[in-house]
C-alpha atoms as a PDB file:
ATOM      1  CA  UNK A   1      95.520 200.774  55.354  1.00  0.00           C
ATOM      2  CA  UNK A   2      96.422 197.567  53.363  1.00  0.00           C
ATOM      3  CA  UNK A   3      99.409 197.873  50.983  1.00  0.00           C
ATOM      4  CA  UNK A   4     100.284 196.249  47.720  1.00  0.00           C
ATOM      5  CA  UNK A   5     104.014 195.541  47.365  1.00  0.00           C
ATOM      6  CA  UNK A   6     105.801 194.224  44.287  1.00  0.00           C
ATOM      7  CA  UNK A   7     108.710 191.770  44.425  1.00  0.00           C
ATOM      8  CA  UNK A   8     111.586 193.607  42.583  1.00  0.00           C
ATOM      9  CA  UNK A   9     113.076 190.382  41.163  1.00  0.00           C
ATOM     10  CA  UNK A  10     110.165 188.466  39.593  1.00  0.00           C
ATOM     11  CA  UNK A  11     107.420 191.174  39.692  1.00  0.00           C
ATOM     12  CA  UNK A  12     105.090 189.205  41.919  1.00  0.00           C
ATOM     13  CA  UNK A  13     102.557 191.311  43.908  1.00  0.00           C
ATOM     14  CA  UNK A  14     101.654 190.648  47.543  1.00  0.00           C
ATOM     15  CA  UNK A  15      99.034 192.267  49.811  1.00  0.00           C
ATOM     16  CA  UNK A  16     100.331 193.361  53.180  1.00  0.00           C
ATOM     17  CA  UNK A  17      96.954 193.233  55.045  1.00  0.00           C
ATOM     18  CA  UNK A  18      97.761 195.580  57.947  1.00  0.00           C
ATOM     19  CA  UNK A  19      94.111 195.587  59.056  1.00  0.00           C
ATOM     20  CA  UNK A  20      94.515 191.893  59.719  1.00  0.00           C
ATOM     21  CA  UNK A  21      97.869 192.469  61.381  1.00  0.00           C
ATOM     22  CA  UNK A  22      98.927 189.608  63.580  1.00  0.00           C
ATOM     23  CA  UNK A  23     101.543 189.289  66.324  1.00  0.00           C
ATOM     24  CA  UNK A  24     103.565 186.035  66.549  1.00  0.00           C
ATOM     25  CA  UNK A  25     101.310 184.692  69.336  1.00  0.00           C
ATOM     26  CA  UNK A  26      98.158 185.257  67.233  1.00  0.00           C
ATOM     27  CA  UNK A  27      98.934 182.439  64.827  1.00  0.00           C
ATOM     28  CA  UNK A  28      97.228 179.091  65.524  1.00  0.00           C
ATOM     29  CA  UNK A  29      99.971 176.573  65.775  1.00  0.00           C
ATOM     30  CA  UNK A  30      99.851 173.834  63.149  1.00  0.00           C
ATOM     31  CA  UNK A  31     100.987 170.326  64.333  1.00  0.00           C
ATOM     32  CA  UNK A  32     104.675 169.563  63.829  1.00  0.00           C
ATOM     33  CA  UNK A  33     104.693 165.924  64.852  1.00  0.00           C
ATOM     34  CA  UNK A  34     103.621 163.334  62.315  1.00  0.00           C
ATOM     35  CA  UNK A  35     101.020 160.923  63.637  1.00  0.00           C
ATOM     36  CA  UNK A  36     101.744 157.225  63.021  1.00  0.00           C
ATOM     37  CA  UNK A  37     103.542 154.168  64.348  1.00  0.00           C
ATOM     38  CA  UNK A  38     106.689 154.121  66.395  1.00  0.00           C
ATOM     39  CA  UNK A  39     108.906 152.587  63.649  1.00  0.00           C
ATOM     40  CA  UNK A  40     111.181 154.978  61.745  1.00  0.00           C
ATOM     41  CA  UNK A  41     113.261 153.767  58.724  1.00  0.00           C
ATOM     42  CA  UNK A  42     115.610 156.781  59.141  1.00  0.00           C
ATOM     43  CA  UNK A  43     116.664 155.823  62.679  1.00  0.00           C
ATOM     44  CA  UNK A  44     120.106 154.526  63.640  1.00  0.00           C
ATOM     45  CA  UNK A  45     120.126 150.756  63.287  1.00  0.00           C
ATOM     46  CA  UNK A  46     117.420 150.667  60.580  1.00  0.00           C
ATOM     47  CA  UNK A  47     119.747 151.187  57.685  1.00  0.00           C
ATOM     48  CA  UNK A  48     118.482 148.077  55.888  1.00  0.00           C
ATOM     49  CA  UNK A  49     114.986 149.520  55.770  1.00  0.00           C
ATOM     50  CA  UNK A  50     115.924 152.312  53.312  1.00  0.00           C
ATOM     51  CA  UNK A  51     117.361 151.923  49.821  1.00  0.00           C
ATOM     52  CA  UNK A  52     121.149 151.491  49.716  1.00  0.00           C
ATOM     53  CA  UNK A  53     122.860 154.746  50.633  1.00  0.00           C
ATOM     54  CA  UNK A  54     124.319 157.006  47.913  1.00  0.00           C
ATOM     55  CA  UNK A  55     126.793 158.681  50.266  1.00  0.00           C
ATOM     56  CA  UNK A  56     127.200 158.824  54.035  1.00  0.00           C
ATOM     57  CA  UNK A  57     129.448 160.749  56.360  1.00  0.00           C
ATOM     58  CA  UNK A  58     130.921 158.340  58.857  1.00  0.00           C
ATOM     59  CA  UNK A  59     133.350 159.027  61.775  1.00  0.00           C
ATOM     60  CA  UNK A  60     134.877 155.572  62.160  1.00  0.00           C
ATOM     61  CA  UNK A  61     135.217 153.896  58.813  1.00  0.00           C
ATOM     62  CA  UNK A  62     132.162 151.641  59.211  1.00  0.00           C
ATOM     63  CA  UNK A  63     130.853 149.912  56.021  1.00  0.00           C
ATOM     64  CA  UNK A  64     127.924 151.327  54.026  1.00  0.00           C
ATOM     65  CA  UNK A  65     124.386 150.702  55.158  1.00  0.00           C
ATOM     66  CA  UNK A  66     125.343 149.912  58.727  1.00  0.00           C
ATOM     67  CA  UNK A  67     125.414 152.074  61.944  1.00  0.00           C
ATOM     68  CA  UNK A  68     128.276 154.452  62.517  1.00  0.00           C
ATOM     69  CA  UNK A  69     127.088 157.429  60.372  1.00  0.00           C
ATOM     70  CA  UNK A  70     126.400 161.109  61.080  1.00  0.00           C
ATOM     71  CA  UNK A  71     124.484 161.664  57.884  1.00  0.00           C
ATOM     72  CA  UNK A  72     123.152 159.529  55.020  1.00  0.00           C
ATOM     73  CA  UNK A  73     121.796 160.218  51.608  1.00  0.00           C
ATOM     74  CA  UNK A  74     119.501 157.543  50.174  1.00  0.00           C
ATOM     75  CA  UNK A  75     117.181 157.325  47.186  1.00  0.00           C
ATOM     76  CA  UNK A  76     113.537 158.162  48.044  1.00  0.00           C
ATOM     77  CA  UNK A  77     111.694 154.916  48.390  1.00  0.00           C
ATOM     78  CA  UNK A  78     108.700 156.437  46.532  1.00  0.00           C
ATOM     79  CA  UNK A  79     110.360 158.749  44.012  1.00  0.00           C
ATOM     80  CA  UNK A  80     108.522 161.465  42.149  1.00  0.00           C
ATOM     81  CA  UNK A  81     110.785 160.851  39.120  1.00  0.00           C
ATOM     82  CA  UNK A  82     112.849 157.871  38.023  1.00  0.00           C
ATOM     83  CA  UNK A  83     116.684 157.776  37.563  1.00  0.00           C
ATOM     84  CA  UNK A  84     116.706 155.090  34.896  1.00  0.00           C
ATOM     85  CA  UNK A  85     115.876 155.552  31.250  1.00  0.00           C
ATOM     86  CA  UNK A  86     116.273 157.959  28.368  1.00  0.00           C
ATOM     87  CA  UNK A  87     114.789 161.416  28.206  1.00  0.00           C
ATOM     88  CA  UNK A  88     112.246 161.248  25.454  1.00  0.00           C
ATOM     89  CA  UNK A  89     110.035 164.125  24.366  1.00  0.00           C
ATOM     90  CA  UNK A  90     106.828 163.914  22.315  1.00  0.00           C
ATOM     91  CA  UNK A  91     103.848 165.983  21.416  1.00  0.00           C
ATOM     92  CA  UNK A  92     100.148 165.340  21.039  1.00  0.00           C
ATOM     93  CA  UNK A  93      98.816 168.269  19.027  1.00  0.00           C
ATOM     94  CA  UNK A  94      99.464 171.383  21.211  1.00  0.00           C
ATOM     95  CA  UNK A  95     100.284 169.274  24.247  1.00  0.00           C
ATOM     96  CA  UNK A  96     103.865 168.415  25.175  1.00  0.00           C
ATOM     97  CA  UNK A  97     105.167 165.563  27.340  1.00  0.00           C
ATOM     98  CA  UNK A  98     108.407 163.811  28.261  1.00  0.00           C
ATOM     99  CA  UNK A  99     109.473 160.811  30.244  1.00  0.00           C
ATOM    100  CA  UNK A 100     109.641 161.320  33.989  1.00  0.00           C
ATOM    101  CA  UNK A 101     113.392 161.170  34.333  1.00  0.00           C
ATOM    102  CA  UNK A 102     115.058 162.655  37.349  1.00  0.00           C
ATOM    103  CA  UNK A 103     116.609 161.820  40.780  1.00  0.00           C
ATOM    104  CA  UNK A 104     114.759 161.944  44.054  1.00  0.00           C
ATOM    105  CA  UNK A 105     116.898 161.612  47.098  1.00  0.00           C
ATOM    106  CA  UNK A 106     116.524 162.008  50.959  1.00  0.00           C
ATOM    107  CA  UNK A 107     119.236 163.624  53.080  1.00  0.00           C
ATOM    108  CA  UNK A 108     118.908 162.057  56.572  1.00  0.00           C
ATOM    109  CA  UNK A 109     120.404 164.834  58.640  1.00  0.00           C
ATOM    110  CA  UNK A 110     121.103 163.062  61.893  1.00  0.00           C
ATOM    111  CA  UNK A 111     120.886 159.593  63.501  1.00  0.00           C
ATOM    112  CA  UNK A 112     119.033 161.235  66.416  1.00  0.00           C
ATOM    113  CA  UNK A 113     115.271 160.825  65.883  1.00  0.00           C
ATOM    114  CA  UNK A 114     114.398 163.482  68.509  1.00  0.00           C
ATOM    115  CA  UNK A 115     116.687 166.264  67.200  1.00  0.00           C
ATOM    116  CA  UNK A 116     115.519 168.965  64.883  1.00  0.00           C
ATOM    117  CA  UNK A 117     117.780 170.654  62.356  1.00  0.00           C
ATOM    118  CA  UNK A 118     117.954 173.781  64.502  1.00  0.00           C
ATOM    119  CA  UNK A 119     118.995 171.764  67.518  1.00  0.00           C
ATOM    120  CA  UNK A 120     122.009 170.067  65.837  1.00  0.00           C
ATOM    121  CA  UNK A 121     125.477 171.402  66.482  1.00  0.00           C
ATOM    122  CA  UNK A 122     126.717 173.761  63.850  1.00  0.00           C
ATOM    123  CA  UNK A 123     129.209 171.160  62.535  1.00  0.00           C
ATOM    124  CA  UNK A 124     126.300 168.713  61.884  1.00  0.00           C
ATOM    125  CA  UNK A 125     124.367 171.448  60.092  1.00  0.00           C
ATOM    126  CA  UNK A 126     127.461 172.141  57.956  1.00  0.00           C
ATOM    127  CA  UNK A 127     127.621 168.415  57.070  1.00  0.00           C
ATOM    128  CA  UNK A 128     124.078 168.703  55.740  1.00  0.00           C
ATOM    129  CA  UNK A 129     125.107 171.634  53.525  1.00  0.00           C
ATOM    130  CA  UNK A 130     128.163 169.769  52.284  1.00  0.00           C
ATOM    131  CA  UNK A 131     125.894 166.863  51.391  1.00  0.00           C
ATOM    132  CA  UNK A 132     123.803 169.240  49.321  1.00  0.00           C
ATOM    133  CA  UNK A 133     126.939 170.461  47.618  1.00  0.00           C
ATOM    134  CA  UNK A 134     128.317 166.967  46.950  1.00  0.00           C
ATOM    135  CA  UNK A 135     125.123 165.675  45.476  1.00  0.00           C
ATOM    136  CA  UNK A 136     124.705 168.721  43.196  1.00  0.00           C
ATOM    137  CA  UNK A 137     128.256 168.334  41.964  1.00  0.00           C
ATOM    138  CA  UNK A 138     127.689 164.669  41.158  1.00  0.00           C
ATOM    139  CA  UNK A 139     124.298 165.089  39.549  1.00  0.00           C
ATOM    140  CA  UNK A 140     125.500 167.930  37.326  1.00  0.00           C
ATOM    141  CA  UNK A 141     127.531 165.270  35.429  1.00  0.00           C
ATOM    142  CA  UNK A 142     124.313 163.824  34.021  1.00  0.00           C
ATOM    143  CA  UNK A 143     123.393 165.725  30.877  1.00  0.00           C
ATOM    144  CA  UNK A 144     119.739 164.790  31.138  1.00  0.00           C
ATOM    145  CA  UNK A 145     119.249 167.093  34.081  1.00  0.00           C
ATOM    146  CA  UNK A 146     118.808 170.870  34.020  1.00  0.00           C
ATOM    147  CA  UNK A 147     118.021 171.717  37.641  1.00  0.00           C
ATOM    148  CA  UNK A 148     118.551 170.454  41.157  1.00  0.00           C
ATOM    149  CA  UNK A 149     115.895 171.474  43.692  1.00  0.00           C
ATOM    150  CA  UNK A 150     116.882 170.991  47.311  1.00  0.00           C
ATOM    151  CA  UNK A 151     114.171 171.644  50.006  1.00  0.00           C
ATOM    152  CA  UNK A 152     113.120 170.814  53.544  1.00  0.00           C
ATOM    153  CA  UNK A 153     109.620 170.103  54.788  1.00  0.00           C
ATOM    154  CA  UNK A 154     109.579 170.255  58.604  1.00  0.00           C
ATOM    155  CA  UNK A 155     106.402 169.080  60.273  1.00  0.00           C
ATOM    156  CA  UNK A 156     103.173 167.589  59.116  1.00  0.00           C
ATOM    157  CA  UNK A 157     101.693 170.998  58.211  1.00  0.00           C
ATOM    158  CA  UNK A 158     104.667 171.687  55.942  1.00  0.00           C
ATOM    159  CA  UNK A 159     104.224 168.423  54.061  1.00  0.00           C
ATOM    160  CA  UNK A 160     106.629 166.009  55.957  1.00  0.00           C
ATOM    161  CA  UNK A 161     105.504 162.491  56.169  1.00  0.00           C
ATOM    162  CA  UNK A 162     108.245 161.358  58.566  1.00  0.00           C
ATOM    163  CA  UNK A 163     109.214 163.140  61.834  1.00  0.00           C
ATOM    164  CA  UNK A 164     112.874 162.241  61.708  1.00  0.00           C
ATOM    165  CA  UNK A 165     114.842 165.320  60.516  1.00  0.00           C
ATOM    166  CA  UNK A 166     115.608 165.181  56.815  1.00  0.00           C
ATOM    167  CA  UNK A 167     115.522 167.178  53.614  1.00  0.00           C
ATOM    168  CA  UNK A 168     115.097 166.214  49.991  1.00  0.00           C
ATOM    169  CA  UNK A 169     116.613 166.660  46.553  1.00  0.00           C
ATOM    170  CA  UNK A 170     114.878 166.347  43.222  1.00  0.00           C
ATOM    171  CA  UNK A 171     116.604 166.766  39.867  1.00  0.00           C
ATOM    172  CA  UNK A 172     114.517 167.800  36.854  1.00  0.00           C
ATOM    173  CA  UNK A 173     114.987 167.570  33.108  1.00  0.00           C
ATOM    174  CA  UNK A 174     113.505 171.082  32.804  1.00  0.00           C
ATOM    175  CA  UNK A 175     114.081 174.366  34.586  1.00  0.00           C
ATOM    176  CA  UNK A 176     110.990 175.097  36.722  1.00  0.00           C
ATOM    177  CA  UNK A 177     108.915 178.139  35.808  1.00  0.00           C
ATOM    178  CA  UNK A 178     109.401 179.748  39.218  1.00  0.00           C
ATOM    179  CA  UNK A 179     113.207 179.384  38.866  1.00  0.00           C
ATOM    180  CA  UNK A 180     113.188 180.762  35.303  1.00  0.00           C
ATOM    181  CA  UNK A 181     111.160 183.775  36.419  1.00  0.00           C
ATOM    182  CA  UNK A 182     113.737 184.589  39.112  1.00  0.00           C
ATOM    183  CA  UNK A 183     116.747 184.006  36.861  1.00  0.00           C
ATOM    184  CA  UNK A 184     115.273 186.112  34.004  1.00  0.00           C
ATOM    185  CA  UNK A 185     114.230 188.875  36.396  1.00  0.00           C
ATOM    186  CA  UNK A 186     117.772 189.067  37.703  1.00  0.00           C
ATOM    187  CA  UNK A 187     119.132 189.094  34.146  1.00  0.00           C
ATOM    188  CA  UNK A 188     116.822 191.939  33.067  1.00  0.00           C
ATOM    189  CA  UNK A 189     117.890 194.027  36.064  1.00  0.00           C
ATOM    190  CA  UNK A 190     121.565 193.443  35.191  1.00  0.00           C
ATOM    191  CA  UNK A 191     121.058 194.384  31.554  1.00  0.00           C
ATOM    192  CA  UNK A 192     119.522 197.724  32.707  1.00  0.00           C
ATOM    193  CA  UNK A 193     121.998 198.556  35.475  1.00  0.00           C
ATOM    194  CA  UNK A 194     124.934 196.282  35.119  1.00  0.00           C
ATOM    195  CA  UNK A 195     124.557 195.186  38.776  1.00  0.00           C
ATOM    196  CA  UNK A 196     123.237 192.117  40.566  1.00  0.00           C
ATOM    197  CA  UNK A 197     119.807 192.849  41.980  1.00  0.00           C
ATOM    198  CA  UNK A 198     120.447 190.651  45.024  1.00  0.00           C
ATOM    199  CA  UNK A 199     123.649 192.532  45.822  1.00  0.00           C
ATOM    200  CA  UNK A 200     121.599 195.756  45.565  1.00  0.00           C
ATOM    201  CA  UNK A 201     118.894 194.359  47.847  1.00  0.00           C
ATOM    202  CA  UNK A 202     121.594 193.540  50.392  1.00  0.00           C
ATOM    203  CA  UNK A 203     123.083 197.018  50.248  1.00  0.00           C
ATOM    204  CA  UNK A 204     119.685 198.755  50.567  1.00  0.00           C
ATOM    205  CA  UNK A 205     118.549 196.571  53.469  1.00  0.00           C
ATOM    206  CA  UNK A 206     121.801 197.179  55.265  1.00  0.00           C
ATOM    207  CA  UNK A 207     121.224 200.872  54.794  1.00  0.00           C
ATOM    208  CA  UNK A 208     117.745 200.917  56.337  1.00  0.00           C
ATOM    209  CA  UNK A 209     118.058 198.013  58.749  1.00  0.00           C
ATOM    210  CA  UNK A 210     114.263 197.721  58.983  1.00  0.00           C
ATOM    211  CA  UNK A 211     114.062 194.186  57.572  1.00  0.00           C
ATOM    212  CA  UNK A 212     117.407 192.849  58.718  1.00  0.00           C
ATOM    213  CA  UNK A 213     117.119 189.927  61.131  1.00  0.00           C
ATOM    214  CA  UNK A 214     120.751 189.062  61.631  1.00  0.00           C
ATOM    215  CA  UNK A 215     124.106 189.706  59.921  1.00  0.00           C
ATOM    216  CA  UNK A 216     127.753 188.698  60.128  1.00  0.00           C
ATOM    217  CA  UNK A 217     130.752 189.034  57.903  1.00  0.00           C
ATOM    218  CA  UNK A 218     129.538 186.466  55.343  1.00  0.00           C
ATOM    219  CA  UNK A 219     125.683 186.330  55.446  1.00  0.00           C
ATOM    220  CA  UNK A 220     122.690 188.604  55.906  1.00  0.00           C
ATOM    221  CA  UNK A 221     119.283 187.168  57.032  1.00  0.00           C
ATOM    222  CA  UNK A 222     116.396 189.486  56.222  1.00  0.00           C
ATOM    223  CA  UNK A 223     112.615 189.628  55.780  1.00  0.00           C
ATOM    224  CA  UNK A 224     112.040 190.291  52.040  1.00  0.00           C
ATOM    225  CA  UNK A 225     110.286 193.550  51.047  1.00  0.00           C
ATOM    226  CA  UNK A 226     107.352 191.793  49.523  1.00  0.00           C
ATOM    227  CA  UNK A 227     107.029 188.446  51.470  1.00  0.00           C
ATOM    228  CA  UNK A 228     104.464 185.938  50.458  1.00  0.00           C
ATOM    229  CA  UNK A 229     104.103 184.560  53.956  1.00  0.00           C
ATOM    230  CA  UNK A 230     104.335 185.941  57.537  1.00  0.00           C
ATOM    231  CA  UNK A 231     107.861 185.653  58.959  1.00  0.00           C
ATOM    232  CA  UNK A 232     109.278 184.591  55.589  1.00  0.00           C
ATOM    233  CA  UNK A 233     113.120 185.096  55.669  1.00  0.00           C
ATOM    234  CA  UNK A 234     115.920 184.961  53.230  1.00  0.00           C
ATOM    235  CA  UNK A 235     119.610 184.068  53.912  1.00  0.00           C
ATOM    236  CA  UNK A 236     121.883 185.638  51.336  1.00  0.00           C
ATOM    237  CA  UNK A 237     125.647 185.411  51.033  1.00  0.00           C
ATOM    238  CA  UNK A 238     127.361 188.783  50.891  1.00  0.00           C
ATOM    239  CA  UNK A 239     129.906 187.356  48.502  1.00  0.00           C
ATOM    240  CA  UNK A 240     128.327 187.306  45.073  1.00  0.00           C
ATOM    241  CA  UNK A 241     128.002 183.865  43.364  1.00  0.00           C
ATOM    242  CA  UNK A 242     125.431 182.170  41.215  1.00  0.00           C
ATOM    243  CA  UNK A 243     126.031 178.562  42.169  1.00  0.00           C
ATOM    244  CA  UNK A 244     125.690 177.228  45.755  1.00  0.00           C
ATOM    245  CA  UNK A 245     127.943 174.254  44.989  1.00  0.00           C
ATOM    246  CA  UNK A 246     130.796 176.570  43.903  1.00  0.00           C
ATOM    247  CA  UNK A 247     130.918 178.544  47.087  1.00  0.00           C
ATOM    248  CA  UNK A 248     134.237 178.621  48.941  1.00  0.00           C
ATOM    249  CA  UNK A 249     134.535 175.877  51.530  1.00  0.00           C
ATOM    250  CA  UNK A 250     134.609 178.238  54.493  1.00  0.00           C
ATOM    251  CA  UNK A 251     131.209 179.609  53.474  1.00  0.00           C
ATOM    252  CA  UNK A 252     129.379 176.423  54.354  1.00  0.00           C
ATOM    253  CA  UNK A 253     130.549 176.693  57.886  1.00  0.00           C
ATOM    254  CA  UNK A 254     129.301 180.229  58.150  1.00  0.00           C
ATOM    255  CA  UNK A 255     125.949 179.348  56.434  1.00  0.00           C
ATOM    256  CA  UNK A 256     125.457 176.623  58.990  1.00  0.00           C
ATOM    257  CA  UNK A 257     125.840 179.305  61.780  1.00  0.00           C
ATOM    258  CA  UNK A 258     123.430 181.660  59.994  1.00  0.00           C
ATOM    259  CA  UNK A 259     120.895 178.919  59.434  1.00  0.00           C
ATOM    260  CA  UNK A 260     121.003 177.700  63.052  1.00  0.00           C
ATOM    261  CA  UNK A 261     120.663 181.284  64.245  1.00  0.00           C
ATOM    262  CA  UNK A 262     117.548 181.807  62.161  1.00  0.00           C
ATOM    263  CA  UNK A 263     115.961 178.506  63.187  1.00  0.00           C
ATOM    264  CA  UNK A 264     116.550 179.178  66.879  1.00  0.00           C
ATOM    265  CA  UNK A 265     115.096 182.652  66.593  1.00  0.00           C
ATOM    266  CA  UNK A 266     111.992 181.332  64.785  1.00  0.00           C
ATOM    267  CA  UNK A 267     111.545 178.593  67.341  1.00  0.00           C
ATOM    268  CA  UNK A 268     111.701 181.151  70.216  1.00  0.00           C
ATOM    269  CA  UNK A 269     109.251 183.724  68.587  1.00  0.00           C
ATOM    270  CA  UNK A 270     106.779 181.273  66.953  1.00  0.00           C
ATOM    271  CA  UNK A 271     107.022 178.329  69.363  1.00  0.00           C
ATOM    272  CA  UNK A 272     108.692 175.822  67.015  1.00  0.00           C
ATOM    273  CA  UNK A 273     106.470 176.039  63.916  1.00  0.00           C
ATOM    274  CA  UNK A 274     106.334 173.733  60.899  1.00  0.00           C
ATOM    275  CA  UNK A 275     108.323 175.274  58.034  1.00  0.00           C
ATOM    276  CA  UNK A 276     109.754 174.814  54.534  1.00  0.00           C
ATOM    277  CA  UNK A 277     112.976 176.061  53.210  1.00  0.00           C
ATOM    278  CA  UNK A 278     114.241 175.987  49.592  1.00  0.00           C
ATOM    279  CA  UNK A 279     117.727 176.461  48.226  1.00  0.00           C
ATOM    280  CA  UNK A 280     117.789 178.757  45.183  1.00  0.00           C
ATOM    281  CA  UNK A 281     120.791 178.135  42.945  1.00  0.00           C
ATOM    282  CA  UNK A 282     121.454 178.558  39.284  1.00  0.00           C
ATOM    283  CA  UNK A 283     120.289 176.072  36.600  1.00  0.00           C
ATOM    284  CA  UNK A 284     122.863 173.597  35.435  1.00  0.00           C
ATOM    285  CA  UNK A 285     125.193 174.573  32.632  1.00  0.00           C
ATOM    286  CA  UNK A 286     123.844 178.107  32.405  1.00  0.00           C
ATOM    287  CA  UNK A 287     126.235 181.021  32.636  1.00  0.00           C
ATOM    288  CA  UNK A 288     124.416 183.289  35.105  1.00  0.00           C
ATOM    289  CA  UNK A 289     127.467 184.282  37.137  1.00  0.00           C
ATOM    290  CA  UNK A 290     127.189 188.027  36.457  1.00  0.00           C
ATOM    291  CA  UNK A 291     123.566 188.473  37.544  1.00  0.00           C
ATOM    292  CA  UNK A 292     122.233 185.594  39.620  1.00  0.00           C
ATOM    293  CA  UNK A 293     122.930 185.190  43.336  1.00  0.00           C
ATOM    294  CA  UNK A 294     122.240 181.887  45.198  1.00  0.00           C
ATOM    295  CA  UNK A 295     120.323 182.053  48.510  1.00  0.00           C
ATOM    296  CA  UNK A 296     118.044 180.193  50.873  1.00  0.00           C
ATOM    297  CA  UNK A 297     114.355 181.088  51.381  1.00  0.00           C
ATOM    298  CA  UNK A 298     112.614 180.076  54.574  1.00  0.00           C
ATOM    299  CA  UNK A 299     108.826 180.036  55.094  1.00  0.00           C
ATOM    300  CA  UNK A 300     107.125 179.059  58.431  1.00  0.00           C
ATOM    301  CA  UNK A 301     103.762 177.344  57.933  1.00  0.00           C
ATOM    302  CA  UNK A 302     101.449 179.962  59.554  1.00  0.00           C
ATOM    303  CA  UNK A 303      98.794 180.711  56.964  1.00  0.00           C
ATOM    304  CA  UNK A 304      97.052 178.733  54.205  1.00  0.00           C
ATOM    305  CA  UNK A 305      97.051 179.449  50.496  1.00  0.00           C
ATOM    306  CA  UNK A 306      93.327 179.725  49.384  1.00  0.00           C
ATOM    307  CA  UNK A 307      91.122 180.714  46.573  1.00  0.00           C
ATOM    308  CA  UNK A 308      92.342 184.333  46.206  1.00  0.00           C
ATOM    309  CA  UNK A 309      95.913 183.226  45.956  1.00  0.00           C
ATOM    310  CA  UNK A 310      95.166 180.504  43.471  1.00  0.00           C
ATOM    311  CA  UNK A 311      93.000 182.760  41.460  1.00  0.00           C
ATOM    312  CA  UNK A 312      95.352 185.749  41.217  1.00  0.00           C
ATOM    313  CA  UNK A 313      98.867 184.616  41.979  1.00  0.00           C
ATOM    314  CA  UNK A 314      98.912 187.321  44.686  1.00  0.00           C
ATOM    315  CA  UNK A 315      99.546 186.410  48.339  1.00  0.00           C
ATOM    316  CA  UNK A 316      97.896 187.995  51.414  1.00  0.00           C
ATOM    317  CA  UNK A 317     100.305 188.389  54.312  1.00  0.00           C
ATOM    318  CA  UNK A 318      98.890 189.756  57.586  1.00  0.00           C
ATOM    319  CA  UNK A 319     102.258 190.518  59.174  1.00  0.00           C
ATOM    320  CA  UNK A 320     104.424 193.323  57.576  1.00  0.00           C
ATOM    321  CA  UNK A 321     108.028 192.192  57.064  1.00  0.00           C
ATOM    322  CA  UNK A 322     109.268 195.106  59.193  1.00  0.00           C
ATOM    323  CA  UNK A 323     107.249 193.693  62.168  1.00  0.00           C
ATOM    324  CA  UNK A 324     108.411 190.115  61.733  1.00  0.00           C
ATOM    325  CA  UNK A 325     112.074 191.196  61.248  1.00  0.00           C
ATOM    326  CA  UNK A 326     111.935 193.267  64.495  1.00  0.00           C
ATOM    327  CA  UNK A 327     110.418 190.320  66.444  1.00  0.00           C
ATOM    328  CA  UNK A 328     113.099 187.950  65.236  1.00  0.00           C
ATOM    329  CA  UNK A 329     115.884 190.500  65.578  1.00  0.00           C
ATOM    330  CA  UNK A 330     115.036 191.203  69.205  1.00  0.00           C
ATOM    331  CA  UNK A 331     115.591 187.532  70.255  1.00  0.00           C
ATOM    332  CA  UNK A 332     118.900 187.420  72.050  1.00  0.00           C
ATOM    333  CA  UNK A 333     121.587 186.014  69.755  1.00  0.00           C
ATOM    334  CA  UNK A 334     121.884 182.220  70.429  1.00  0.00           C
ATOM    335  CA  UNK A 335     125.054 181.222  72.222  1.00  0.00           C
ATOM    336  CA  UNK A 336     127.661 179.535  70.121  1.00  0.00           C
ATOM    337  CA  UNK A 337     127.263 175.793  69.866  1.00  0.00           C
ATOM    338  CA  UNK A 338     130.065 173.292  69.712  1.00  0.00           C
ATOM    339  CA  UNK A 339     129.996 169.778  68.266  1.00  0.00           C
END
């Protein structure tokens, strides 16, 4: 029997279509590789083919925009928003508009064209997380911006246009509706119960164990109760905190381990699918510390959003989260990796 489930944070409904239930091997694999020429502007030695780097992590003191780096952050060559200019708002009757001010950056995660994020050593994944943190801290100084969105598109089916492993950052002069819904939902729960809803989710999922994928002393990885997509997973810190960039330094090392663990499990069960992940953190200069809880949401690209989803805002998921969690949980824990 199909089942309707309601997300407890933002109130979004999903349909768990058990009569369409699918095992991991039932999903048609979308292409991961991006078709195109052999030239890659992100590769080692092609530094002059990107805009000048904003930051880079280098091991031998080499000068900017030259080889010798482990990670680079550069402006997107074709930005969605522009960094220069004043934020101007105007109206045209009932319509509102503002200048397209924002930052759009690319985090080039490795000089190795062939490596995926999940194949990198934990230390290199930790570097990626530190780059996220460093850029958020810097961009928060700009009073024009209200939110920093960090996301990764891996594979052509997930929206990537270059194969070389990278993630992106876009700052916005407004708080996105999806983010506002989540923050406001967490606030309403706190006003009723004086507890963080994410902390309560962690405690409840630990109690049942049905949707837990992996867990250590710092992070829990779980399939959410009302997932939009098959094999959707969340990584949540057990230590409450609203802002990713304000986490204690040791937490980035442990998040790198949890993220690598999840990516390796997904690659094993789903044969290296295309995927997206999004970092959820609090809006800039908002005091949400009591009730919001930063986390990372991961979505393999296994199904398509079609007319029903666009028309209703509901999602149809053919794999119950209990089934996906069990499949990922039963993968033997990856062996520790060393830089």
